[in-house]
Protein backbone atom coordinates (compact mmCIF):
# COMPACT_ATOMS: atom_id res chain seq x y z
CA UNK A 1 0.00 0.00 0.00
CA UNK A 2 2.88 2.38 0.74
CA UNK A 3 4.21 1.88 -2.79
CA UNK A 4 0.80 2.63 -4.27
CA UNK A 5 0.46 5.80 -2.17
CA UNK A 6 3.97 6.93 -3.17
CA UNK A 7 3.11 6.37 -6.82
CA UNK A 8 -0.04 8.45 -6.41
CA UNK A 9 1.91 11.28 -4.77
CA UNK A 10 4.59 11.27 -7.47
CA UNK A 11 4.33 14.30 -9.70
CA UNK A 12 4.11 13.99 -13.46
CA UNK A 13 6.98 15.96 -14.93
CA UNK A 14 7.05 14.84 -18.58
CA UNK A 15 5.74 17.65 -20.78
CA UNK A 16 6.80 16.28 -24.16
CA UNK A 17 4.53 15.49 -27.09
CA UNK A 18 4.49 11.92 -28.56
CA UNK A 19 6.74 11.69 -31.63
CA UNK A 20 4.10 9.87 -33.65
CA UNK A 21 1.61 12.64 -32.92
CA UNK A 22 4.14 15.37 -33.73
CA UNK A 23 4.81 13.82 -37.15
CA UNK A 24 1.18 13.94 -38.23
CA UNK A 25 0.61 16.69 -40.81
CA UNK A 26 -2.38 18.17 -38.97
CA UNK A 27 -0.33 18.59 -35.75
CA UNK A 28 3.14 19.27 -37.19
CA UNK A 29 3.03 23.07 -36.96
CA UNK A 30 1.56 23.18 -33.45
CA UNK A 31 3.98 20.49 -32.24
CA UNK A 32 6.97 22.44 -33.59
CA UNK A 33 5.81 25.60 -31.82
CA UNK A 34 5.27 23.69 -28.57
CA UNK A 35 8.74 22.11 -28.70
CA UNK A 36 10.29 25.52 -29.39
CA UNK A 37 8.55 26.85 -26.29
CA UNK A 38 9.93 23.94 -24.24
CA UNK A 39 13.48 24.70 -25.43
CA UNK A 40 13.07 28.39 -24.65
CA UNK A 41 11.69 27.48 -21.21
CA UNK A 42 14.79 25.35 -20.51
CA UNK A 43 17.10 28.23 -21.41
CA UNK A 44 15.03 30.61 -19.32
CA UNK A 45 15.09 28.25 -16.32
CA UNK A 46 18.86 27.97 -16.62
CA UNK A 47 19.22 31.76 -16.70
CA UNK A 48 16.89 32.20 -13.72
CA UNK A 49 18.79 29.62 -11.68
CA UNK A 50 22.08 31.30 -12.51
CA UNK A 51 20.70 34.70 -11.50
CA UNK A 52 19.31 33.21 -8.30
CA UNK A 53 22.77 31.94 -7.39
CA UNK A 54 24.23 35.38 -8.14
CA UNK A 55 21.63 37.05 -5.92
CA UNK A 56 22.33 34.63 -3.07
CA UNK A 57 26.04 35.26 -3.48
CA UNK A 58 25.46 39.03 -3.40
CA UNK A 59 23.44 38.70 -0.19
CA UNK A 60 26.16 36.58 1.38
CA UNK A 61 28.86 39.16 0.50
CA UNK A 62 26.84 42.14 1.83
CA UNK A 63 26.74 44.67 -1.05
CA UNK A 64 28.67 47.87 -0.36
CA UNK A 65 28.48 51.38 -1.72
CA UNK A 66 30.38 54.67 -1.46
CA UNK A 67 28.53 57.35 0.51
CA UNK A 68 29.43 60.92 1.31
CA UNK A 69 29.90 61.81 4.98
CA UNK A 70 29.66 65.55 5.58
CA UNK A 71 31.53 66.81 8.65
CA UNK A 72 30.41 70.08 10.27
CA UNK A 73 32.63 72.16 12.58
CA UNK A 74 31.34 75.13 14.53
CA UNK A 75 32.09 76.93 17.79
CA UNK A 76 30.45 79.26 20.25
CA UNK A 77 31.98 81.54 22.87
CA UNK A 78 30.81 82.83 26.23
CA UNK A 79 32.09 85.25 28.90
CA UNK A 80 34.42 87.06 26.49
CA UNK A 81 35.30 90.70 27.02
CA UNK A 82 33.33 91.82 23.97
CA UNK A 83 30.31 89.97 25.37
CA UNK A 84 30.64 91.11 29.02
CA UNK A 85 30.67 94.80 28.06
CA UNK A 86 31.26 97.32 30.87
CA UNK A 87 30.92 94.69 33.61
CA UNK A 88 34.22 93.08 32.47
CA UNK A 89 35.95 91.03 35.11
CA UNK A 90 33.55 92.24 37.83
CA UNK A 91 30.85 89.85 36.60
CA UNK A 92 33.01 86.72 36.95
CA UNK A 93 31.93 84.18 39.59
CA UNK A 94 34.80 81.73 40.14
CA UNK A 95 32.71 79.47 42.38
CA UNK A 96 29.99 78.76 39.79
CA UNK A 97 32.15 79.44 36.72
CA UNK A 98 29.69 82.00 35.43
CA UNK A 99 31.31 84.79 33.45
CA UNK A 100 34.64 82.96 32.92
CA UNK A 101 35.75 83.32 29.27
CA UNK A 102 35.18 79.98 27.49
CA UNK A 103 34.42 78.48 24.14
CA UNK A 104 32.77 75.27 22.84
CA UNK A 105 33.76 73.32 19.73
CA UNK A 106 31.12 71.12 18.13
CA UNK A 107 31.96 68.31 15.69
CA UNK A 108 28.99 66.81 13.84
CA UNK A 109 28.52 64.55 10.86
CA UNK A 110 25.76 63.08 8.73
CA UNK A 111 25.41 61.04 5.57
CA UNK A 112 24.13 62.86 2.51
CA UNK A 113 21.06 61.40 0.86
CA UNK A 114 21.51 59.58 -2.41
CA UNK A 115 20.36 61.49 -5.50
CA UNK A 116 17.16 60.31 -7.19
CA UNK A 117 16.37 57.91 -4.36
CA UNK A 118 12.79 56.74 -4.10
CA UNK A 119 10.92 57.67 -0.94
CA UNK A 120 10.09 54.05 -0.12
CA UNK A 121 13.78 53.10 -0.33
CA UNK A 122 14.88 55.70 2.20
CA UNK A 123 15.99 54.39 5.55
CA UNK A 124 17.04 56.15 8.71
CA UNK A 125 20.73 57.12 8.28
CA UNK A 126 23.21 55.84 10.87
CA UNK A 127 24.49 58.16 13.57
CA UNK A 128 27.84 59.89 13.23
CA UNK A 129 29.46 57.93 16.08
CA UNK A 130 28.73 54.62 14.28
CA UNK A 131 30.67 55.76 11.20
CA UNK A 132 33.99 56.39 12.97
CA UNK A 133 36.35 54.18 14.95
CA UNK A 134 38.18 56.89 16.82
CA UNK A 135 38.45 60.67 16.91
CA UNK A 136 41.22 62.82 18.39
CA UNK A 137 40.99 66.58 18.98
CA UNK A 138 44.33 68.33 19.51
CA UNK A 139 44.36 71.90 20.85
CA UNK A 140 47.37 74.08 20.09
CA UNK A 141 47.42 76.18 23.29
CA UNK A 142 50.10 77.65 25.57
CA UNK A 143 50.95 74.78 27.97
CA UNK A 144 51.98 77.26 30.69
CA UNK A 145 48.46 78.71 30.77
CA UNK A 146 46.53 75.56 29.88
CA UNK A 147 48.64 72.52 30.87
CA UNK A 148 45.81 69.95 30.84
CA UNK A 149 43.03 68.90 28.47
CA UNK A 150 44.77 69.77 25.22
CA UNK A 151 44.29 66.30 23.69
CA UNK A 152 40.79 64.82 23.69
CA UNK A 153 40.24 61.30 22.37
CA UNK A 154 37.01 59.42 21.74
CA UNK A 155 37.52 55.70 21.12
CA UNK A 156 34.61 53.48 20.28
CA UNK A 157 34.59 50.85 22.99
CA UNK A 158 33.76 47.16 22.62
CA UNK A 159 30.54 47.60 24.60
CA UNK A 160 27.35 48.97 23.08
CA UNK A 161 27.30 52.77 23.26
CA UNK A 162 24.53 55.23 22.61
CA UNK A 163 24.88 56.48 19.00
CA UNK A 164 25.59 60.20 18.78
CA UNK A 165 25.16 62.78 16.04
CA UNK A 166 28.18 64.77 17.22
CA UNK A 167 30.65 65.69 19.97
CA UNK A 168 31.17 68.90 21.91
CA UNK A 169 34.45 70.05 23.49
CA UNK A 170 34.24 72.89 26.03
CA UNK A 171 37.30 74.74 27.34
CA UNK A 172 38.03 77.99 29.16
CA UNK A 173 40.16 80.67 27.54
CA UNK A 174 40.12 83.85 25.50
CA UNK A 175 43.13 83.24 23.29
CA UNK A 176 42.99 82.13 19.62
CA UNK A 177 43.38 78.37 19.41
CA UNK A 178 44.33 76.18 16.48
CA UNK A 179 42.56 72.83 16.43
CA UNK A 180 43.54 69.65 14.62
CA UNK A 181 40.87 66.96 14.36
CA UNK A 182 41.89 63.41 13.42
CA UNK A 183 39.07 61.07 12.38
CA UNK A 184 39.50 57.33 11.80
CA UNK A 185 36.60 56.13 9.65
CA UNK A 186 34.70 52.87 10.00
CA UNK A 187 34.67 51.30 6.52
CA UNK A 188 32.82 48.21 5.28
CA UNK A 189 34.66 46.15 4.21
CA UNK A 190 37.82 47.12 6.08
CA UNK A 191 40.15 49.15 3.87
CA UNK A 192 43.95 49.23 3.94
CA UNK A 193 46.67 51.44 2.59
CA UNK A 194 48.92 49.63 0.13
CA UNK A 195 52.68 50.09 0.44
CA UNK A 196 54.22 51.92 -2.50
CA UNK A 197 56.27 48.88 -3.59
CA UNK A 198 53.13 46.88 -4.35
CA UNK A 199 50.81 49.83 -4.95
CA UNK A 200 52.87 51.16 -7.85
CA UNK A 201 52.74 47.76 -9.54
CA UNK A 202 48.99 47.25 -9.11
CA UNK A 203 48.06 50.90 -9.53
CA UNK A 204 46.10 51.16 -6.27
CA UNK A 205 46.73 53.12 -3.08
CA UNK A 206 43.89 52.05 -0.81
CA UNK A 207 41.52 49.11 -1.09
CA UNK A 208 39.98 46.21 0.85
CA UNK A 209 42.06 43.05 1.37
CA UNK A 210 39.89 41.08 -1.06
CA UNK A 211 40.14 43.87 -3.63
CA UNK A 212 43.95 43.94 -3.38
CA UNK A 213 44.24 40.16 -3.78
CA UNK A 214 41.87 40.32 -6.77
CA UNK A 215 43.97 43.10 -8.32
CA UNK A 216 47.10 40.97 -7.83
CA UNK A 217 45.42 37.98 -9.47
CA UNK A 218 44.25 40.12 -12.41
CA UNK A 219 47.83 41.36 -12.89
CA UNK A 220 49.08 37.75 -12.92
CA UNK A 221 46.49 36.67 -15.50
CA UNK A 222 47.03 39.69 -17.77
CA UNK A 223 50.80 39.17 -17.87
CA UNK A 224 50.59 35.37 -18.11
CA UNK A 225 52.63 34.72 -14.97
CA UNK A 226 50.92 31.45 -14.04
CA UNK A 227 53.23 28.52 -14.71
CA UNK A 228 51.95 26.43 -17.63
CA UNK A 229 53.26 23.15 -16.21
CA UNK A 230 52.40 23.63 -12.54
CA UNK A 231 49.34 25.90 -12.40
CA UNK A 232 49.82 26.34 -8.65
CA UNK A 233 53.07 28.26 -9.18
CA UNK A 234 53.24 31.99 -9.95
CA UNK A 235 56.31 33.23 -11.80
CA UNK A 236 57.73 36.69 -11.08
CA UNK A 237 58.39 39.34 -13.69
CA UNK A 238 60.79 42.27 -13.30
CA UNK A 239 58.28 44.23 -11.20
CA UNK A 240 57.17 41.39 -8.91
CA UNK A 241 60.63 39.89 -8.36
CA UNK A 242 61.53 42.34 -5.54
CA UNK A 243 58.10 41.72 -3.95
CA UNK A 244 58.27 37.92 -4.22
CA UNK A 245 61.89 37.91 -3.10
CA UNK A 246 62.69 35.31 -5.74
CA UNK A 247 61.64 33.88 -9.08
CA UNK A 248 58.18 32.81 -7.96
CA UNK A 249 55.82 31.68 -5.22
CA UNK A 250 52.97 29.20 -4.82
CA UNK A 251 49.40 30.35 -5.35
CA UNK A 252 48.34 29.75 -1.73
CA UNK A 253 51.08 32.14 -0.56
CA UNK A 254 49.49 35.18 -2.25
CA UNK A 255 47.28 36.27 0.69
CA UNK A 256 50.20 36.07 3.13
CA UNK A 257 52.40 38.03 0.70
CA UNK A 258 49.77 40.74 0.25
CA UNK A 259 49.32 41.11 4.03
CA UNK A 260 52.95 42.19 4.35
CA UNK A 261 52.26 45.29 2.26
CA UNK A 262 49.05 46.37 4.00
CA UNK A 263 48.98 49.28 6.44
CA UNK A 264 46.22 51.09 8.30
CA UNK A 265 44.58 53.74 6.10
CA UNK A 266 45.41 57.40 6.60
CA UNK A 267 42.94 59.19 8.88
CA UNK A 268 40.97 62.26 7.90
CA UNK A 269 42.71 65.37 9.27
CA UNK A 270 40.86 68.68 9.55
CA UNK A 271 42.31 71.99 10.72
CA UNK A 272 40.14 74.59 12.41
CA UNK A 273 40.82 77.87 14.19
CA UNK A 274 38.87 79.29 17.13
CA UNK A 275 39.21 83.03 17.83
CA UNK A 276 37.15 83.96 20.91
CA UNK A 277 37.78 87.65 20.28
CA UNK A 278 35.57 87.53 17.17
CA UNK A 279 31.93 86.70 16.64
CA UNK A 280 31.62 83.01 15.59
CA UNK A 281 30.46 82.34 12.03
CA UNK A 282 26.71 81.95 11.60
CA UNK A 283 27.10 78.80 9.52
CA UNK A 284 29.31 75.84 10.35
CA UNK A 285 32.25 74.88 8.16
CA UNK A 286 31.76 71.65 6.21
CA UNK A 287 34.03 68.96 4.76
CA UNK A 288 32.94 66.01 2.61
CA UNK A 289 34.55 62.61 3.11
CA UNK A 290 33.90 59.40 1.15
CA UNK A 291 33.12 56.35 3.25
CA UNK A 292 32.48 52.75 2.19
CA UNK A 293 29.54 51.12 3.93
CA UNK A 294 26.94 48.39 3.55
CA UNK A 295 24.32 49.19 0.94
CA UNK A 296 21.18 48.57 2.97
CA UNK A 297 18.94 50.02 0.26
CA UNK A 298 20.22 47.57 -2.37
CA UNK A 299 20.06 44.69 0.12
CA UNK A 300 16.42 45.48 0.93
CA UNK A 301 15.55 45.64 -2.77
CA UNK A 302 17.24 42.29 -3.35
CA UNK A 303 15.33 40.76 -0.44
CA UNK A 304 12.03 42.07 -1.87
CA UNK A 305 12.98 40.63 -5.28
CA UNK A 306 13.83 37.26 -3.73
CA UNK A 307 10.53 37.21 -1.85
CA UNK A 308 8.54 38.06 -4.98
CA UNK A 309 10.47 35.42 -6.94
CA UNK A 310 9.37 32.80 -4.40
CA UNK A 311 5.73 33.69 -5.07
CA UNK A 312 6.36 33.59 -8.82
CA UNK A 313 8.08 30.21 -8.48
CA UNK A 314 5.01 28.83 -6.72
CA UNK A 315 2.78 30.06 -9.55
CA UNK A 316 5.14 28.63 -12.18
CA UNK A 317 5.16 25.26 -10.41
CA UNK A 318 1.37 25.13 -10.54
CA UNK A 319 1.41 25.95 -14.25
CA UNK A 320 4.06 23.27 -14.87
CA UNK A 321 1.89 20.70 -13.10
CA UNK A 322 -1.11 21.65 -15.23
CA UNK A 323 0.96 21.41 -18.43
CA UNK A 324 2.33 18.01 -17.36
CA UNK A 325 -1.21 16.74 -16.69
CA UNK A 326 -2.38 17.98 -20.08
CA UNK A 327 0.63 16.34 -21.74
CA UNK A 328 -0.15 13.06 -19.98
CA UNK A 329 -3.76 13.34 -21.10
CA UNK A 330 -2.51 13.91 -24.66
CA UNK A 331 -0.37 10.74 -24.40
CA UNK A 332 -3.38 8.75 -23.21
CA UNK A 333 -5.61 10.14 -25.98
CA UNK A 334 -2.96 9.30 -28.56
CA UNK A 335 -2.77 5.71 -27.28
CA UNK A 336 -6.56 5.36 -27.44
CA UNK A 337 -6.56 6.84 -30.95
CA UNK A 338 -3.98 4.31 -32.16
CA UNK A 339 -5.97 1.49 -30.53
CA UNK A 340 -9.21 2.46 -32.24
CA UNK A 341 -7.55 3.09 -35.61
CA UNK A 342 -5.92 -0.37 -35.58
CA UNK A 343 -9.25 -1.96 -34.66
CA UNK A 344 -11.05 -0.10 -37.44
CA UNK A 345 -8.56 -1.20 -40.14
CA UNK A 346 -8.70 -4.99 -39.42
CA UNK A 347 -10.98 -5.97 -36.51
CA UNK A 348 -10.37 -9.76 -36.66
CA UNK A 349 -6.59 -9.62 -36.86
CA UNK A 350 -6.54 -6.89 -34.21
CA UNK A 351 -8.57 -9.01 -31.77
CA UNK A 352 -6.32 -12.04 -32.28
CA UNK A 353 -3.16 -9.99 -31.82
CA UNK A 354 -4.58 -8.26 -28.78
CA UNK A 355 -5.67 -11.56 -27.17
CA UNK A 356 -2.23 -13.09 -27.78
CA UNK A 357 -0.62 -10.07 -26.19
CA UNK A 358 -2.95 -10.21 -23.20
CA UNK A 359 -2.26 -13.94 -22.83
CA UNK A 360 1.49 -13.36 -22.69
CA UNK A 361 1.05 -10.58 -20.17
CA UNK A 362 -1.19 -12.80 -18.03
CA UNK A 363 1.32 -15.67 -18.10
CA UNK A 364 4.11 -13.28 -17.09
CA UNK A 365 2.03 -11.98 -14.18
CA UNK A 366 0.89 -15.40 -12.91
CA UNK A 367 4.25 -17.18 -13.29
CA UNK A 368 2.61 -20.64 -12.76
CA UNK A 369 -0.95 -21.97 -13.03
CA UNK A 370 -3.03 -24.81 -11.61
CA UNK A 371 -3.44 -26.74 -14.90
CA UNK A 372 -0.65 -28.55 -16.73
CA UNK A 373 0.88 -26.47 -19.50
CA UNK A 374 -1.21 -23.38 -18.63
CA UNK A 375 1.81 -21.17 -18.22
CA UNK A 376 3.97 -22.54 -21.06
CA UNK A 377 3.62 -20.90 -24.42
CA UNK A 378 3.09 -23.15 -27.46
CA UNK A 379 6.18 -21.96 -29.29
CA UNK A 380 8.33 -22.98 -26.31
CA UNK A 381 6.77 -26.45 -26.24
CA UNK A 382 7.63 -26.95 -29.91
CA UNK A 383 11.36 -26.50 -29.20
CA UNK A 384 13.08 -29.72 -28.08
CA UNK A 385 15.72 -27.70 -26.23
CA UNK A 386 13.04 -26.65 -23.78
CA UNK A 387 12.98 -30.16 -22.28
CA UNK A 388 16.77 -30.22 -21.85
CA UNK A 389 16.87 -27.40 -19.34
CA UNK A 390 18.56 -28.17 -15.97
CA UNK A 391 15.35 -28.03 -13.96
CA UNK A 392 13.42 -30.53 -16.18
CA UNK A 393 15.01 -33.67 -14.69
CA UNK A 394 14.32 -32.52 -11.15
CA UNK A 395 10.76 -31.55 -12.06
CA UNK A 396 10.09 -34.99 -13.58
CA UNK A 397 11.48 -36.73 -10.50
CA UNK A 398 9.30 -34.65 -8.18
CA UNK A 399 6.26 -35.24 -10.37
CA UNK A 400 6.83 -39.04 -10.46
CA UNK A 401 7.40 -39.11 -6.73
CA UNK A 402 4.09 -37.36 -6.11
CA UNK A 403 2.31 -39.69 -8.53
CA UNK A 404 3.72 -42.86 -6.92
CA UNK A 405 2.93 -41.51 -3.46
CA UNK A 406 -0.68 -40.87 -4.47
CA UNK A 407 -0.98 -44.49 -5.78
CA UNK A 408 0.45 -45.89 -2.59
CA UNK A 409 -2.14 -43.99 -0.58
CA UNK A 410 -4.91 -45.50 -2.68
């Protein structure tokens, strides 16, 4: 019963047309069109499967994009002489700090929106603190007057921190101060500076580790440096010989070799001047910096496409099942048509041939029957070799034994 149920659950996948039916003149044109559609469907299925693999690979690699990070620098002042007016130093309260000359430096940053981006694809941009690894603010002040607090560093710790849109540095003083801000960006994937020895050969200054290895491999393929006998060996040319340190290396040594020429990327350095004796600018100063990051918009679009493709695949599967059922019905109708046509041409001969065929099938199914000679075909009986088979002698002995035993019982 389990085999019968499994056969019933098995899907019909054959969608071909019988060759005999396709060769008939009245069905030749339609059959040719149908077979052309099947061939086109195979090519389309192959293309869709290949694209599906590419999409899955893109999702696994996390697509990246280059975005513009705009840094804003501004400052405010308080308690300066030009602000205090006639009160001057008389209005200073050293206990509360009110009236002491001071200034505040604010460093902010935000990602610029992509041009021509659809409203439904817009997502909340990440905070400024999530886009940098570390930031250092160096104040060029007289150490005799301001010995402490001239270097401020913000490192992003291993623990989860509250994302921030910016940082504020507040210091006392009324003297002009030069500020140097050093920003180490958070890039995805991690980028490295390439040493000049290798960078001049590959023509790149800064790239991800995978990108540098790929550039090295492209250089090897373009210049034919892969050994023709041992494909695992890479031969050195005049430019790579100082880098390889010899005439060649093995292919699996490339990543280790590239790592020797990788250095941390240069940070972003911004210079700014604070003059408390002047009114601060109304608008902040701005600098644009390129940063590599995960393309969440593209990833979301890919996910939507994958989800819609699943629904389309379900619909296509249903249509394939319907086509397979119709094709099976066409096979059955063709068999019935051939049966009836053969019967119509010569009914007597057809009946005799059909009965002989059914008799052979019945004998094959039964294997042995209750009456003597019921399962042996006449043509086999007419051959004398049939009675010389190895089992005949044993069968005769058993038969005679049974016959003699039955007589003895009587």
